[in-house]
Amino acid sequence: MPGAAVLRVLVPDEDPHLEPTVRIYSPDEHVVPYEIVQWFMEQVADQVERCRIAFEQGGPEAVE
């Protein structure tokens, strides 16, 4: 991806029923549905947890 990308999240405070808007600012600006961002972050958290457990149990070579 050429150029710097910036992730920006707008949380609506005027209506609690509205979902946050996640935008990726880059040469090709994109809006990402909040549900996808939630799913992605859950996957990241699961992977981090697995890596930490593997590292504690078997050292750095277990994480590869």
N, C-alpha and C. Protein backbone atom coordinates (compact mmCIF):
# COMPACT_ATOMS: atom_id res chain seq x y z
N MET A 1 0.86 -1.16 0.00
CA MET A 1 0.00 0.00 0.00
C MET A 1 0.91 1.23 0.00
N PRO A 2 0.85 2.05 -1.02
CA PRO A 2 1.70 3.24 -1.05
C PRO A 2 1.20 4.30 -0.07
N GLY A 3 2.14 4.98 0.57
CA GLY A 3 1.77 6.03 1.51
C GLY A 3 1.34 5.49 2.85
N ALA A 4 1.20 6.40 3.78
CA ALA A 4 0.81 6.02 5.14
C ALA A 4 -0.70 5.82 5.23
N ALA A 5 -1.09 4.82 5.98
CA ALA A 5 -2.51 4.58 6.24
C ALA A 5 -2.81 4.95 7.68
N VAL A 6 -3.96 5.51 7.92
CA VAL A 6 -4.37 5.92 9.26
C VAL A 6 -5.73 5.29 9.53
N LEU A 7 -5.87 4.69 10.69
CA LEU A 7 -7.14 4.12 11.11
C LEU A 7 -7.80 5.12 12.04
N ARG A 8 -9.05 5.44 11.74
CA ARG A 8 -9.78 6.43 12.54
C ARG A 8 -11.15 5.86 12.87
N VAL A 9 -11.54 5.97 14.14
CA VAL A 9 -12.83 5.47 14.58
C VAL A 9 -13.65 6.63 15.12
N LEU A 10 -14.85 6.78 14.59
CA LEU A 10 -15.77 7.81 15.07
C LEU A 10 -16.85 7.13 15.89
N VAL A 11 -16.96 7.49 17.16
CA VAL A 11 -17.95 6.91 18.05
C VAL A 11 -19.07 7.93 18.21
N PRO A 12 -20.27 7.60 17.72
CA PRO A 12 -21.37 8.57 17.82
C PRO A 12 -21.85 8.70 19.27
N ASP A 13 -21.86 9.91 19.77
CA ASP A 13 -22.33 10.11 21.14
C ASP A 13 -23.73 10.70 21.20
N GLU A 14 -24.28 11.04 20.03
CA GLU A 14 -25.62 11.62 20.03
C GLU A 14 -26.71 10.56 20.06
N ASP A 15 -26.38 9.33 19.63
CA ASP A 15 -27.37 8.25 19.61
C ASP A 15 -26.67 6.94 20.00
N PRO A 16 -26.97 6.41 21.18
CA PRO A 16 -26.27 5.19 21.63
C PRO A 16 -26.59 3.96 20.79
N HIS A 17 -27.57 4.03 19.91
CA HIS A 17 -27.92 2.89 19.07
C HIS A 17 -27.10 2.84 17.78
N LEU A 18 -26.40 3.91 17.47
CA LEU A 18 -25.56 3.94 16.27
C LEU A 18 -24.25 3.22 16.54
N GLU A 19 -23.76 2.49 15.55
CA GLU A 19 -22.48 1.80 15.65
C GLU A 19 -21.34 2.77 15.32
N PRO A 20 -20.16 2.57 15.89
CA PRO A 20 -19.01 3.38 15.50
C PRO A 20 -18.69 3.18 14.02
N THR A 21 -18.08 4.18 13.42
CA THR A 21 -17.65 4.12 12.03
C THR A 21 -16.13 4.02 12.01
N VAL A 22 -15.62 3.00 11.34
CA VAL A 22 -14.18 2.80 11.25
C VAL A 22 -13.77 3.12 9.82
N ARG A 23 -12.82 4.04 9.69
CA ARG A 23 -12.34 4.45 8.36
C ARG A 23 -10.85 4.23 8.28
N ILE A 24 -10.43 3.75 7.13
CA ILE A 24 -9.00 3.63 6.85
C ILE A 24 -8.69 4.73 5.85
N TYR A 25 -7.93 5.71 6.32
CA TYR A 25 -7.55 6.82 5.45
C TYR A 25 -6.24 6.46 4.76
N SER A 26 -6.31 6.35 3.46
CA SER A 26 -5.18 6.02 2.61
C SER A 26 -5.51 6.56 1.23
N PRO A 27 -4.65 6.33 0.25
CA PRO A 27 -5.00 6.78 -1.10
C PRO A 27 -6.36 6.24 -1.56
N ASP A 28 -6.71 5.03 -1.12
CA ASP A 28 -8.02 4.44 -1.44
C ASP A 28 -8.81 4.33 -0.15
N GLU A 29 -9.50 5.39 0.24
CA GLU A 29 -10.21 5.43 1.53
C GLU A 29 -11.28 4.35 1.59
N HIS A 30 -11.35 3.69 2.75
CA HIS A 30 -12.32 2.62 2.95
C HIS A 30 -13.05 2.81 4.27
N VAL A 31 -14.31 2.42 4.32
CA VAL A 31 -15.07 2.34 5.57
C VAL A 31 -15.24 0.86 5.87
N VAL A 32 -14.87 0.46 7.09
CA VAL A 32 -14.94 -0.94 7.49
C VAL A 32 -16.11 -1.09 8.46
N PRO A 33 -17.02 -2.03 8.21
CA PRO A 33 -18.13 -2.24 9.15
C PRO A 33 -17.60 -2.59 10.54
N TYR A 34 -18.24 -2.02 11.55
CA TYR A 34 -17.80 -2.20 12.93
C TYR A 34 -17.78 -3.68 13.32
N GLU A 35 -18.73 -4.47 12.85
CA GLU A 35 -18.78 -5.89 13.18
C GLU A 35 -17.52 -6.61 12.70
N ILE A 36 -17.00 -6.21 11.56
CA ILE A 36 -15.77 -6.82 11.04
C ILE A 36 -14.58 -6.44 11.90
N VAL A 37 -14.52 -5.19 12.32
CA VAL A 37 -13.43 -4.75 13.19
C VAL A 37 -13.49 -5.52 14.51
N GLN A 38 -14.68 -5.70 15.08
CA GLN A 38 -14.82 -6.47 16.31
C GLN A 38 -14.34 -7.90 16.11
N TRP A 39 -14.77 -8.54 15.03
CA TRP A 39 -14.36 -9.91 14.75
C TRP A 39 -12.84 -9.99 14.62
N PHE A 40 -12.25 -9.06 13.87
CA PHE A 40 -10.80 -9.06 13.66
C PHE A 40 -10.06 -8.91 14.98
N MET A 41 -10.50 -8.00 15.82
CA MET A 41 -9.81 -7.78 17.10
C MET A 41 -9.96 -8.99 18.02
N GLU A 42 -11.08 -9.69 17.96
CA GLU A 42 -11.24 -10.92 18.73
C GLU A 42 -10.25 -11.98 18.25
N GLN A 43 -10.07 -12.08 16.93
CA GLN A 43 -9.10 -13.03 16.38
C GLN A 43 -7.68 -12.66 16.82
N VAL A 44 -7.36 -11.39 16.80
CA VAL A 44 -6.04 -10.93 17.24
C VAL A 44 -5.83 -11.27 18.71
N ALA A 45 -6.82 -10.99 19.55
CA ALA A 45 -6.69 -11.27 20.98
C ALA A 45 -6.50 -12.76 21.23
N ASP A 46 -7.23 -13.61 20.51
CA ASP A 46 -7.06 -15.06 20.65
C ASP A 46 -5.65 -15.49 20.25
N GLN A 47 -5.15 -14.95 19.16
CA GLN A 47 -3.81 -15.32 18.69
C GLN A 47 -2.75 -14.85 19.68
N VAL A 48 -2.89 -13.66 20.21
CA VAL A 48 -1.93 -13.15 21.20
C VAL A 48 -1.93 -14.06 22.43
N GLU A 49 -3.10 -14.46 22.88
CA GLU A 49 -3.19 -15.33 24.04
C GLU A 49 -2.51 -16.68 23.77
N ARG A 50 -2.76 -17.27 22.60
CA ARG A 50 -2.13 -18.54 22.25
C ARG A 50 -0.62 -18.40 22.19
N CYS A 51 -0.13 -17.31 21.62
CA CYS A 51 1.32 -17.10 21.52
C CYS A 51 1.95 -16.92 22.90
N ARG A 52 1.28 -16.20 23.78
CA ARG A 52 1.81 -16.00 25.13
C ARG A 52 1.88 -17.32 25.89
N ILE A 53 0.84 -18.14 25.77
CA ILE A 53 0.83 -19.44 26.44
C ILE A 53 1.94 -20.32 25.88
N ALA A 54 2.07 -20.37 24.57
CA ALA A 54 3.12 -21.18 23.94
C ALA A 54 4.50 -20.71 24.36
N PHE A 55 4.69 -19.42 24.42
CA PHE A 55 5.97 -18.87 24.81
C PHE A 55 6.30 -19.24 26.26
N GLU A 56 5.33 -19.14 27.15
CA GLU A 56 5.56 -19.48 28.55
C GLU A 56 5.84 -20.97 28.73
N GLN A 57 5.20 -21.82 27.93
CA GLN A 57 5.34 -23.26 28.08
C GLN A 57 6.57 -23.82 27.38
N GLY A 58 6.93 -23.23 26.24
CA GLY A 58 8.00 -23.86 25.48
C GLY A 58 9.09 -22.95 24.99
N GLY A 59 9.08 -21.71 25.35
CA GLY A 59 10.11 -20.80 24.87
C GLY A 59 9.78 -20.22 23.51
N PRO A 60 10.63 -19.36 23.00
CA PRO A 60 10.35 -18.63 21.75
C PRO A 60 10.19 -19.53 20.53
N GLU A 61 10.89 -20.67 20.48
CA GLU A 61 10.77 -21.54 19.30
C GLU A 61 9.38 -22.14 19.17
N ALA A 62 8.61 -22.22 20.26
CA ALA A 62 7.25 -22.77 20.22
C ALA A 62 6.27 -21.80 19.56
N VAL A 63 6.60 -20.54 19.51
CA VAL A 63 5.69 -19.52 18.98
C VAL A 63 5.71 -19.51 17.45
N GLU A 64 6.84 -19.92 16.85
CA GLU A 64 6.94 -19.91 15.39
C GLU A 64 5.90 -20.79 14.83
